PDB file of N, CA and C in Angstrom:
ATOM      1  N   UNK A   1      -6.613   5.258  27.072  1.00  0.00           N
ATOM      2  CA  UNK A   1      -6.401   5.645  28.229  1.00  0.00           C
ATOM      3  C   UNK A   1      -4.656   6.398  28.279  1.00  0.00           C
ATOM      4  N   UNK A   2      -4.155   7.006  29.331  1.00  0.00           N
ATOM      5  CA  UNK A   2      -3.612   7.756  28.986  1.00  0.00           C
ATOM      6  C   UNK A   2      -2.361   7.872  30.183  1.00  0.00           C
ATOM      7  N   UNK A   3      -1.659   8.129  29.935  1.00  0.00           N
ATOM      8  CA  UNK A   3       0.064   8.422  30.959  1.00  0.00           C
ATOM      9  C   UNK A   3       0.764   9.537  30.729  1.00  0.00           C
ATOM     10  N   UNK A   4       0.345  10.156  31.687  1.00  0.00           N
ATOM     11  CA  UNK A   4       0.758  11.814  31.281  1.00  0.00           C
ATOM     12  C   UNK A   4       1.657  12.140  32.702  1.00  0.00           C
ATOM     13  N   UNK A   5       2.767  12.720  32.763  1.00  0.00           N
ATOM     14  CA  UNK A   5       3.577  13.654  33.316  1.00  0.00           C
ATOM     15  C   UNK A   5       2.940  15.007  33.894  1.00  0.00           C
ATOM     16  N   UNK A   6       2.495  15.454  34.702  1.00  0.00           N
ATOM     17  CA  UNK A   6       1.368  16.596  35.089  1.00  0.00           C
ATOM     18  C   UNK A   6       2.335  17.384  36.249  1.00  0.00           C
ATOM     19  N   UNK A   7       1.355  18.311  36.665  1.00  0.00           N
ATOM     20  CA  UNK A   7       1.526  18.928  37.614  1.00  0.00           C
ATOM     21  C   UNK A   7       0.258  19.601  38.176  1.00  0.00           C
ATOM     22  N   UNK A   8       0.008  19.121  39.517  1.00  0.00           N
ATOM     23  CA  UNK A   8      -1.814  19.702  40.154  1.00  0.00           C
ATOM     24  C   UNK A   8      -1.441  20.781  40.068  1.00  0.00           C
ATOM     25  N   UNK A   9      -2.536  21.929  39.765  1.00  0.00           N
ATOM     26  CA  UNK A   9      -3.210  22.529  39.624  1.00  0.00           C
ATOM     27  C   UNK A   9      -3.142  23.511  40.794  1.00  0.00           C
ATOM     28  N   UNK A  10      -4.289  22.723  41.644  1.00  0.00           N
ATOM     29  CA  UNK A  10      -5.299  23.246  42.860  1.00  0.00           C
ATOM     30  C   UNK A  10      -5.205  21.881  43.775  1.00  0.00           C
ATOM     31  N   UNK A  11      -5.113  22.100  45.180  1.00  0.00           N
ATOM     32  CA  UNK A  11      -5.409  21.115  45.995  1.00  0.00           C
ATOM     33  C   UNK A  11      -6.319  20.074  45.699  1.00  0.00           C
ATOM     34  N   UNK A  12      -6.148  18.918  45.736  1.00  0.00           N
ATOM     35  CA  UNK A  12      -7.694  18.153  45.494  1.00  0.00           C
ATOM     36  C   UNK A  12      -8.703  18.050  46.475  1.00  0.00           C
ATOM     37  N   UNK A  13      -9.964  18.224  45.675  1.00  0.00           N
ATOM     38  CA  UNK A  13     -11.132  18.435  46.558  1.00  0.00           C
ATOM     39  C   UNK A  13     -12.196  16.821  46.547  1.00  0.00           C
ATOM     40  N   UNK A  14     -12.668  16.677  47.665  1.00  0.00           N
ATOM     41  CA  UNK A  14     -13.143  15.550  47.536  1.00  0.00           C
ATOM     42  C   UNK A  14     -14.978  15.578  47.372  1.00  0.00           C
ATOM     43  N   UNK A  15     -15.740  15.595  46.851  1.00  0.00           N
ATOM     44  CA  UNK A  15     -16.773  15.474  47.651  1.00  0.00           C
ATOM     45  C   UNK A  15     -17.355  14.772  47.468  1.00  0.00           C
ATOM     46  N   UNK A  16     -19.067  13.985  47.623  1.00  0.00           N
ATOM     47  CA  UNK A  16     -19.722  13.204  47.768  1.00  0.00           C
ATOM     48  C   UNK A  16     -20.902  13.262  47.215  1.00  0.00           C
ATOM     49  N   UNK A  17     -21.588  11.948  46.539  1.00  0.00           N
ATOM     50  CA  UNK A  17     -22.587  12.024  45.398  1.00  0.00           C
ATOM     51  C   UNK A  17     -23.931  11.649  46.421  1.00  0.00           C
ATOM     52  N   UNK A  18     -25.322  12.228  45.957  1.00  0.00           N
ATOM     53  CA  UNK A  18     -26.116  11.442  47.160  1.00  0.00           C
ATOM     54  C   UNK A  18     -26.542  10.199  47.663  1.00  0.00           C
ATOM     55  N   UNK A  19     -25.223   9.711  46.936  1.00  0.00           N
ATOM     56  CA  UNK A  19     -25.412   8.179  47.438  1.00  0.00           C
ATOM     57  C   UNK A  19     -24.130   7.849  48.466  1.00  0.00           C
ATOM     58  N   UNK A  20     -23.882   9.188  48.943  1.00  0.00           N
ATOM     59  CA  UNK A  20     -23.013   8.931  49.567  1.00  0.00           C
ATOM     60  C   UNK A  20     -21.381   8.266  49.478  1.00  0.00           C
ATOM     61  N   UNK A  21     -21.240   7.990  47.906  1.00  0.00           N
ATOM     62  CA  UNK A  21     -19.858   7.876  47.313  1.00  0.00           C
ATOM     63  C   UNK A  21     -19.312   8.938  47.087  1.00  0.00           C
ATOM     64  N   UNK A  22     -17.872   9.188  47.865  1.00  0.00           N
ATOM     65  CA  UNK A  22     -16.407  10.128  47.409  1.00  0.00           C
ATOM     66  C   UNK A  22     -15.924   9.821  46.507  1.00  0.00           C
ATOM     67  N   UNK A  23     -15.755  11.234  45.689  1.00  0.00           N
ATOM     68  CA  UNK A  23     -15.484  11.434  44.349  1.00  0.00           C
ATOM     69  C   UNK A  23     -14.300  12.411  44.662  1.00  0.00           C
ATOM     70  N   UNK A  24     -13.091  12.375  44.480  1.00  0.00           N
ATOM     71  CA  UNK A  24     -12.032  13.703  44.197  1.00  0.00           C
ATOM     72  C   UNK A  24     -11.551  13.579  43.251  1.00  0.00           C
ATOM     73  N   UNK A  25     -11.542  14.995  43.042  1.00  0.00           N
ATOM     74  CA  UNK A  25     -11.323  14.985  41.457  1.00  0.00           C
ATOM     75  C   UNK A  25      -9.692  16.115  41.708  1.00  0.00           C
ATOM     76  N   UNK A  26      -8.929  15.980  40.809  1.00  0.00           N
ATOM     77  CA  UNK A  26      -7.751  16.749  40.462  1.00  0.00           C
ATOM     78  C   UNK A  26      -7.486  17.207  39.781  1.00  0.00           C
ATOM     79  N   UNK A  27      -7.019  18.775  39.382  1.00  0.00           N
ATOM     80  CA  UNK A  27      -6.911  19.435  38.768  1.00  0.00           C
ATOM     81  C   UNK A  27      -5.484  19.718  38.261  1.00  0.00           C
ATOM     82  N   UNK A  28      -4.977  19.398  36.879  1.00  0.00           N
ATOM     83  CA  UNK A  28      -3.199  19.032  36.631  1.00  0.00           C
ATOM     84  C   UNK A  28      -3.513  19.478  35.311  1.00  0.00           C
ATOM     85  N   UNK A  29      -2.335  19.807  34.680  1.00  0.00           N
ATOM     86  CA  UNK A  29      -1.899  20.422  33.581  1.00  0.00           C
ATOM     87  C   UNK A  29      -0.704  20.165  33.174  1.00  0.00           C
ATOM     88  N   UNK A  30      -0.741  19.932  31.966  1.00  0.00           N
ATOM     89  CA  UNK A  30       1.473  19.395  31.166  1.00  0.00           C
ATOM     90  C   UNK A  30       0.823  20.289  29.781  1.00  0.00           C
ATOM     91  N   UNK A  31       2.075  20.471  29.953  1.00  0.00           N
ATOM     92  CA  UNK A  31       2.773  21.272  28.558  1.00  0.00           C
ATOM     93  C   UNK A  31       3.076  20.366  27.441  1.00  0.00           C
ATOM     94  N   UNK A  32       2.166  21.155  25.870  1.00  0.00           N
ATOM     95  CA  UNK A  32       1.864  20.562  24.677  1.00  0.00           C
ATOM     96  C   UNK A  32       2.492  21.438  23.727  1.00  0.00           C
ATOM     97  N   UNK A  33       3.518  21.027  23.170  1.00  0.00           N
ATOM     98  CA  UNK A  33       4.491  21.383  22.343  1.00  0.00           C
ATOM     99  C   UNK A  33       5.708  22.813  22.701  1.00  0.00           C
ATOM    100  N   UNK A  34       6.221  23.832  21.622  1.00  0.00           N
ATOM    101  CA  UNK A  34       7.745  24.190  22.278  1.00  0.00           C
ATOM    102  C   UNK A  34       7.933  25.744  21.521  1.00  0.00           C
ATOM    103  N   UNK A  35       8.193  26.703  22.291  1.00  0.00           N
ATOM    104  CA  UNK A  35       8.687  27.451  21.888  1.00  0.00           C
ATOM    105  C   UNK A  35       7.454  28.383  22.389  1.00  0.00           C
ATOM    106  N   UNK A  36       7.244  29.132  21.222  1.00  0.00           N
ATOM    107  CA  UNK A  36       6.078  30.399  20.473  1.00  0.00           C
ATOM    108  C   UNK A  36       4.706  29.360  20.573  1.00  0.00           C
ATOM    109  N   UNK A  37       4.505  28.237  20.533  1.00  0.00           N
ATOM    110  CA  UNK A  37       3.588  27.283  19.963  1.00  0.00           C
ATOM    111  C   UNK A  37       3.081  26.357  21.001  1.00  0.00           C
ATOM    112  N   UNK A  38       3.794  26.792  22.421  1.00  0.00           N
ATOM    113  CA  UNK A  38       3.573  26.158  23.676  1.00  0.00           C
ATOM    114  C   UNK A  38       2.210  26.262  23.937  1.00  0.00           C
ATOM    115  N   UNK A  39       1.392  25.298  24.293  1.00  0.00           N
ATOM    116  CA  UNK A  39       0.352  25.498  25.370  1.00  0.00           C
ATOM    117  C   UNK A  39      -0.200  24.273  26.404  1.00  0.00           C
ATOM    118  N   UNK A  40      -0.852  24.469  26.741  1.00  0.00           N
ATOM    119  CA  UNK A  40      -1.437  23.936  28.401  1.00  0.00           C
ATOM    120  C   UNK A  40      -2.555  23.194  27.906  1.00  0.00           C
ATOM    121  N   UNK A  41      -2.428  21.829  28.345  1.00  0.00           N
ATOM    122  CA  UNK A  41      -3.817  20.935  28.166  1.00  0.00           C
ATOM    123  C   UNK A  41      -3.776  20.640  29.639  1.00  0.00           C
ATOM    124  N   UNK A  42      -4.905  20.941  30.091  1.00  0.00           N
ATOM    125  CA  UNK A  42      -5.901  21.061  31.406  1.00  0.00           C
ATOM    126  C   UNK A  42      -6.400  19.718  31.851  1.00  0.00           C
ATOM    127  N   UNK A  43      -6.606  19.296  32.661  1.00  0.00           N
ATOM    128  CA  UNK A  43      -7.033  18.112  32.822  1.00  0.00           C
ATOM    129  C   UNK A  43      -7.465  17.882  34.140  1.00  0.00           C
ATOM    130  N   UNK A  44      -8.826  16.975  34.073  1.00  0.00           N
ATOM    131  CA  UNK A  44      -9.738  16.883  35.416  1.00  0.00           C
ATOM    132  C   UNK A  44      -9.887  15.355  35.887  1.00  0.00           C
ATOM    133  N   UNK A  45      -8.963  15.339  36.601  1.00  0.00           N
ATOM    134  CA  UNK A  45      -8.719  13.969  37.147  1.00  0.00           C
ATOM    135  C   UNK A  45      -9.867  13.317  37.904  1.00  0.00           C
ATOM    136  N   UNK A  46     -10.912  12.138  37.819  1.00  0.00           N
ATOM    137  CA  UNK A  46     -11.290  11.887  39.242  1.00  0.00           C
ATOM    138  C   UNK A  46     -10.943  10.234  39.529  1.00  0.00           C
ATOM    139  N   UNK A  47     -11.001  10.458  41.113  1.00  0.00           N
ATOM    140  CA  UNK A  47     -10.455   9.341  41.841  1.00  0.00           C
ATOM    141  C   UNK A  47     -12.070   9.267  42.989  1.00  0.00           C
ATOM    142  N   UNK A  48     -11.942   8.031  42.235  1.00  0.00           N
ATOM    143  CA  UNK A  48     -13.504   7.174  43.207  1.00  0.00           C
ATOM    144  C   UNK A  48     -13.175   6.224  44.303  1.00  0.00           C
ATOM    145  N   UNK A  49     -14.065   6.872  45.768  1.00  0.00           N
ATOM    146  CA  UNK A  49     -14.193   6.551  46.498  1.00  0.00           C
ATOM    147  C   UNK A  49     -12.716   6.143  47.303  1.00  0.00           C
ATOM    148  N   UNK A  50     -12.458   5.667  48.217  1.00  0.00           N
ATOM    149  CA  UNK A  50     -11.880   5.824  49.784  1.00  0.00           C
ATOM    150  C   UNK A  50     -10.291   5.867  49.367  1.00  0.00           C
ATOM    151  N   UNK A  51      -9.619   5.435  48.676  1.00  0.00           N
ATOM    152  CA  UNK A  51      -8.693   5.523  47.793  1.00  0.00           C
ATOM    153  C   UNK A  51      -8.267   7.003  46.988  1.00  0.00           C
ATOM    154  N   UNK A  52      -9.590   7.492  46.866  1.00  0.00           N
ATOM    155  CA  UNK A  52      -9.264   9.052  46.468  1.00  0.00           C
ATOM    156  C   UNK A  52      -9.421   9.726  47.926  1.00  0.00           C
ATOM    157  N   UNK A  53      -9.789   9.865  49.023  1.00  0.00           N
ATOM    158  CA  UNK A  53     -10.055  10.034  50.116  1.00  0.00           C
ATOM    159  C   UNK A  53      -8.680  10.301  51.040  1.00  0.00           C
ATOM    160  N   UNK A  54      -8.033   9.266  50.833  1.00  0.00           N
ATOM    161  CA  UNK A  54      -6.847   8.803  51.383  1.00  0.00           C
ATOM    162  C   UNK A  54      -5.939   9.623  50.444  1.00  0.00           C
ATOM    163  N   UNK A  55      -5.246   9.329  49.096  1.00  0.00           N
ATOM    164  CA  UNK A  55      -4.926  10.485  48.641  1.00  0.00           C
ATOM    165  C   UNK A  55      -4.715  11.898  48.494  1.00  0.00           C
ATOM    166  N   UNK A  56      -5.868  12.388  48.647  1.00  0.00           N
ATOM    167  CA  UNK A  56      -6.553  14.121  48.333  1.00  0.00           C
ATOM    168  C   UNK A  56      -5.724  14.871  49.037  1.00  0.00           C
ATOM    169  N   UNK A  57      -5.129  14.044  50.687  1.00  0.00           N
ATOM    170  CA  UNK A  57      -4.161  15.230  51.473  1.00  0.00           C
ATOM    171  C   UNK A  57      -2.889  15.348  50.448  1.00  0.00           C
ATOM    172  N   UNK A  58      -2.203  14.016  49.683  1.00  0.00           N
ATOM    173  CA  UNK A  58      -0.952  14.445  49.051  1.00  0.00           C
ATOM    174  C   UNK A  58      -1.328  15.118  47.820  1.00  0.00           C
ATOM    175  N   UNK A  59      -2.088  14.938  47.093  1.00  0.00           N
ATOM    176  CA  UNK A  59      -2.126  15.633  46.089  1.00  0.00           C
ATOM    177  C   UNK A  59      -2.836  17.232  45.809  1.00  0.00           C
ATOM    178  N   UNK A  60      -1.653  18.194  46.388  1.00  0.00           N
ATOM    179  CA  UNK A  60      -1.248  19.268  46.474  1.00  0.00           C
ATOM    180  C   UNK A  60      -0.790  20.378  45.199  1.00  0.00           C
ATOM    181  N   UNK A  61      -1.060  22.014  45.199  1.00  0.00           N
ATOM    182  CA  UNK A  61      -0.647  22.537  44.331  1.00  0.00           C
ATOM    183  C   UNK A  61       0.632  22.494  44.226  1.00  0.00           C
ATOM    184  N   UNK A  62       1.373  22.650  43.233  1.00  0.00           N
ATOM    185  CA  UNK A  62       2.033  22.071  42.433  1.00  0.00           C
ATOM    186  C   UNK A  62       3.175  21.188  42.516  1.00  0.00           C
ATOM    187  N   UNK A  63       2.649  19.941  43.238  1.00  0.00           N
ATOM    188  CA  UNK A  63       3.100  18.658  43.011  1.00  0.00           C
ATOM    189  C   UNK A  63       3.059  17.719  41.734  1.00  0.00           C
ATOM    190  N   UNK A  64       4.184  17.230  41.250  1.00  0.00           N
ATOM    191  CA  UNK A  64       4.163  16.731  39.935  1.00  0.00           C
ATOM    192  C   UNK A  64       4.077  15.196  40.395  1.00  0.00           C
ATOM    193  N   UNK A  65       2.914  14.877  39.118  1.00  0.00           N
ATOM    194  CA  UNK A  65       2.543  13.168  39.242  1.00  0.00           C
ATOM    195  C   UNK A  65       2.621  12.769  38.391  1.00  0.00           C
ATOM    196  N   UNK A  66       2.722  11.270  38.426  1.00  0.00           N
ATOM    197  CA  UNK A  66       2.588  10.624  36.993  1.00  0.00           C
ATOM    198  C   UNK A  66       1.216  10.175  36.797  1.00  0.00           C
ATOM    199  N   UNK A  67       0.463  10.562  35.948  1.00  0.00           N
ATOM    200  CA  UNK A  67      -0.913  10.034  35.787  1.00  0.00           C
ATOM    201  C   UNK A  67      -1.200   8.801  35.255  1.00  0.00           C
ATOM    202  N   UNK A  68      -2.330   7.579  35.698  1.00  0.00           N
ATOM    203  CA  UNK A  68      -2.436   6.888  34.558  1.00  0.00           C
ATOM    204  C   UNK A  68      -3.887   6.677  34.610  1.00  0.00           C
ATOM    205  N   UNK A  69      -4.639   6.800  33.805  1.00  0.00           N
ATOM    206  CA  UNK A  69      -5.994   7.146  33.341  1.00  0.00           C
ATOM    207  C   UNK A  69      -7.150   6.622  32.647  1.00  0.00           C
ATOM    208  N   UNK A  70      -8.293   6.141  32.486  1.00  0.00           N
ATOM    209  CA  UNK A  70      -9.168   5.683  31.263  1.00  0.00           C
ATOM    210  C   UNK A  70     -10.314   6.445  31.789  1.00  0.00           C
ATOM    211  N   UNK A  71     -10.808   6.649  30.337  1.00  0.00           N
ATOM    212  CA  UNK A  71     -12.069   6.861  30.087  1.00  0.00           C
ATOM    213  C   UNK A  71     -11.872   8.373  29.755  1.00  0.00           C
ATOM    214  N   UNK A  72     -11.230   8.272  29.195  1.00  0.00           N
ATOM    215  CA  UNK A  72     -10.478   9.806  28.873  1.00  0.00           C
ATOM    216  C   UNK A  72     -11.894  10.801  27.877  1.00  0.00           C
ATOM    217  N   UNK A  73     -12.213  11.868  27.860  1.00  0.00           N
ATOM    218  CA  UNK A  73     -12.779  12.390  27.463  1.00  0.00           C
ATOM    219  C   UNK A  73     -12.496  13.943  27.304  1.00  0.00           C
ATOM    220  N   UNK A  74     -13.228  14.544  26.204  1.00  0.00           N
ATOM    221  CA  UNK A  74     -12.843  16.419  25.482  1.00  0.00           C
ATOM    222  C   UNK A  74     -14.125  16.752  26.942  1.00  0.00           C
ATOM    223  N   UNK A  75     -14.437  17.685  27.537  1.00  0.00           N
ATOM    224  CA  UNK A  75     -15.328  18.406  28.217  1.00  0.00           C
ATOM    225  C   UNK A  75     -14.674  20.436  27.829  1.00  0.00           C
ATOM    226  N   UNK A  76     -15.894  20.809  27.493  1.00  0.00           N
ATOM    227  CA  UNK A  76     -15.777  22.128  27.249  1.00  0.00           C
ATOM    228  C   UNK A  76     -16.584  23.098  28.536  1.00  0.00           C
ATOM    229  N   UNK A  77     -16.167  24.096  28.525  1.00  0.00           N
ATOM    230  CA  UNK A  77     -16.233  25.467  29.481  1.00  0.00           C
ATOM    231  C   UNK A  77     -16.609  26.569  29.004  1.00  0.00           C
ATOM    232  N   UNK A  78     -17.013  27.262  29.779  1.00  0.00           N
ATOM    233  CA  UNK A  78     -17.320  28.570  29.335  1.00  0.00           C
ATOM    234  C   UNK A  78     -15.883  29.630  30.185  1.00  0.00           C
ATOM    235  N   UNK A  79     -14.750  29.772  29.530  1.00  0.00           N
ATOM    236  CA  UNK A  79     -13.987  30.864  30.075  1.00  0.00           C
ATOM    237  C   UNK A  79     -14.624  32.143  30.715  1.00  0.00           C
ATOM    238  N   UNK A  80     -13.510  32.756  31.623  1.00  0.00           N
ATOM    239  CA  UNK A  80     -14.122  33.794  32.004  1.00  0.00           C
ATOM    240  C   UNK A  80     -13.695  35.461  31.230  1.00  0.00           C
ATOM    241  N   UNK A  81     -13.517  35.152  29.803  1.00  0.00           N
ATOM    242  CA  UNK A  81     -13.207  35.879  28.804  1.00  0.00           C
ATOM    243  C   UNK A  81     -14.440  35.448  27.452  1.00  0.00           C
ATOM    244  N   UNK A  82     -15.566  34.008  27.928  1.00  0.00           N
ATOM    245  CA  UNK A  82     -16.474  34.035  27.536  1.00  0.00           C
ATOM    246  C   UNK A  82     -16.286  33.025  26.498  1.00  0.00           C
ATOM    247  N   UNK A  83     -15.213  32.991  25.956  1.00  0.00           N
ATOM    248  CA  UNK A  83     -14.619  31.987  25.435  1.00  0.00           C
ATOM    249  C   UNK A  83     -14.735  30.560  25.672  1.00  0.00           C
ATOM    250  N   UNK A  84     -14.912  29.673  24.572  1.00  0.00           N
ATOM    251  CA  UNK A  84     -14.895  27.948  24.812  1.00  0.00           C
ATOM    252  C   UNK A  84     -13.255  27.754  25.211  1.00  0.00           C
ATOM    253  N   UNK A  85     -13.321  27.027  26.612  1.00  0.00           N
ATOM    254  CA  UNK A  85     -12.232  26.083  26.970  1.00  0.00           C
ATOM    255  C   UNK A  85     -12.172  24.533  26.687  1.00  0.00           C
ATOM    256  N   UNK A  86     -11.045  24.069  27.063  1.00  0.00           N
ATOM    257  CA  UNK A  86     -11.455  22.372  26.651  1.00  0.00           C
ATOM    258  C   UNK A  86     -10.252  21.871  27.645  1.00  0.00           C
ATOM    259  N   UNK A  87     -11.116  20.272  28.021  1.00  0.00           N
ATOM    260  CA  UNK A  87     -10.134  20.296  28.719  1.00  0.00           C
ATOM    261  C   UNK A  87     -10.218  18.343  29.188  1.00  0.00           C
ATOM    262  N   UNK A  88      -9.532  17.866  29.209  1.00  0.00           N
ATOM    263  CA  UNK A  88      -9.351  16.589  29.401  1.00  0.00           C
ATOM    264  C   UNK A  88     -10.197  15.927  30.456  1.00  0.00           C
ATOM    265  N   UNK A  89     -10.999  14.877  30.522  1.00  0.00           N
ATOM    266  CA  UNK A  89     -11.622  14.454  31.836  1.00  0.00           C
ATOM    267  C   UNK A  89     -11.515  13.058  31.609  1.00  0.00           C
ATOM    268  N   UNK A  90     -10.698  12.280  32.511  1.00  0.00           N
ATOM    269  CA  UNK A  90     -10.514  11.030  33.089  1.00  0.00           C
ATOM    270  C   UNK A  90     -10.754  10.316  34.412  1.00  0.00           C
ATOM    271  N   UNK A  91     -10.442   9.582  34.198  1.00  0.00           N
ATOM    272  CA  UNK A  91     -10.633   8.463  35.789  1.00  0.00           C
ATOM    273  C   UNK A  91      -9.102   8.187  36.029  1.00  0.00           C
ATOM    274  N   UNK A  92      -8.898   8.319  37.012  1.00  0.00           N
ATOM    275  CA  UNK A  92      -7.721   7.465  37.386  1.00  0.00           C
ATOM    276  C   UNK A  92      -7.804   6.525  37.576  1.00  0.00           C
ATOM    277  N   UNK A  93      -6.578   5.841  37.477  1.00  0.00           N
ATOM    278  CA  UNK A  93      -5.944   4.350  37.613  1.00  0.00           C
ATOM    279  C   UNK A  93      -4.850   4.253  38.872  1.00  0.00           C
ATOM    280  N   UNK A  94      -3.857   4.932  38.324  1.00  0.00           N
ATOM    281  CA  UNK A  94      -3.061   4.693  39.517  1.00  0.00           C
ATOM    282  C   UNK A  94      -2.174   6.267  39.399  1.00  0.00           C
ATOM    283  N   UNK A  95      -1.417   7.059  39.994  1.00  0.00           N
ATOM    284  CA  UNK A  95      -0.828   7.832  40.671  1.00  0.00           C
ATOM    285  C   UNK A  95       0.636   7.563  40.809  1.00  0.00           C
ATOM    286  N   UNK A  96       1.293   8.523  40.625  1.00  0.00           N
ATOM    287  CA  UNK A  96       2.604   7.677  40.957  1.00  0.00           C
ATOM    288  C   UNK A  96       3.060   9.422  41.646  1.00  0.00           C
ATOM    289  N   UNK A  97       3.792   9.134  42.541  1.00  0.00           N
ATOM    290  CA  UNK A  97       4.224  10.626  42.944  1.00  0.00           C
ATOM    291  C   UNK A  97       5.463  11.236  42.772  1.00  0.00           C
ATOM    292  N   UNK A  98       6.101  12.440  42.174  1.00  0.00           N
ATOM    293  CA  UNK A  98       7.536  12.367  41.511  1.00  0.00           C
ATOM    294  C   UNK A  98       8.381  13.167  42.148  1.00  0.00           C
ATOM    295  N   UNK A  99       7.086  13.994  43.198  1.00  0.00           N
ATOM    296  CA  UNK A  99       8.303  15.229  43.840  1.00  0.00           C
ATOM    297  C   UNK A  99       7.424  15.099  45.572  1.00  0.00           C
ATOM    298  N   UNK A 100       7.886  15.390  46.372  1.00  0.00           N
ATOM    299  CA  UNK A 100       7.312  15.322  47.851  1.00  0.00           C
ATOM    300  C   UNK A 100       6.420  16.549  47.933  1.00  0.00           C
ATOM    301  N   UNK A 101       5.409  16.414  48.600  1.00  0.00           N
ATOM    302  CA  UNK A 101       4.616  17.508  49.009  1.00  0.00           C
ATOM    303  C   UNK A 101       5.339  18.238  49.372  1.00  0.00           C
ATOM    304  N   UNK A 102       6.552  18.588  50.481  1.00  0.00           N
ATOM    305  CA  UNK A 102       7.009  19.950  50.525  1.00  0.00           C
ATOM    306  C   UNK A 102       7.994  20.113  49.568  1.00  0.00           C
ATOM    307  N   UNK A 103       8.408  19.578  48.772  1.00  0.00           N
ATOM    308  CA  UNK A 103       9.547  20.022  47.439  1.00  0.00           C
ATOM    309  C   UNK A 103       8.260  20.270  46.116  1.00  0.00           C
ATOM    310  N   UNK A 104       7.853  21.083  45.521  1.00  0.00           N
ATOM    311  CA  UNK A 104       6.469  20.885  45.038  1.00  0.00           C
ATOM    312  C   UNK A 104       7.564  21.233  43.489  1.00  0.00           C
ATOM    313  N   UNK A 105       7.104  20.647  42.552  1.00  0.00           N
ATOM    314  CA  UNK A 105       7.770  20.468  41.098  1.00  0.00           C
ATOM    315  C   UNK A 105       8.415  22.102  40.841  1.00  0.00           C
ATOM    316  N   UNK A 106       9.483  22.767  40.145  1.00  0.00           N
ATOM    317  CA  UNK A 106       9.818  24.032  39.929  1.00  0.00           C
ATOM    318  C   UNK A 106       8.869  24.114  38.396  1.00  0.00           C
TER     319      UNK A 106
END
């Protein structure tokens, strides 16, 4: 289980499976460490079904959320510089909005 305060990195994207099930993907991040040792941890959070479709318009870039998720796993990907990157993938249980869509986090 993951409970984390994070910032949405890009507007949520809703796609549909071949069986016509909606999956909304929310890309978000939070900082780990302090000072020169601070790094960004990326999260790809999936919200399945109509709830995700309805929340997608509120999940916009810059907005801060409190994310509660499970089924957390590490996913690897190739960065533009051809090195390997890492992100967390998870299934959303709950999202609490800590900022309004008109006033994103600073």
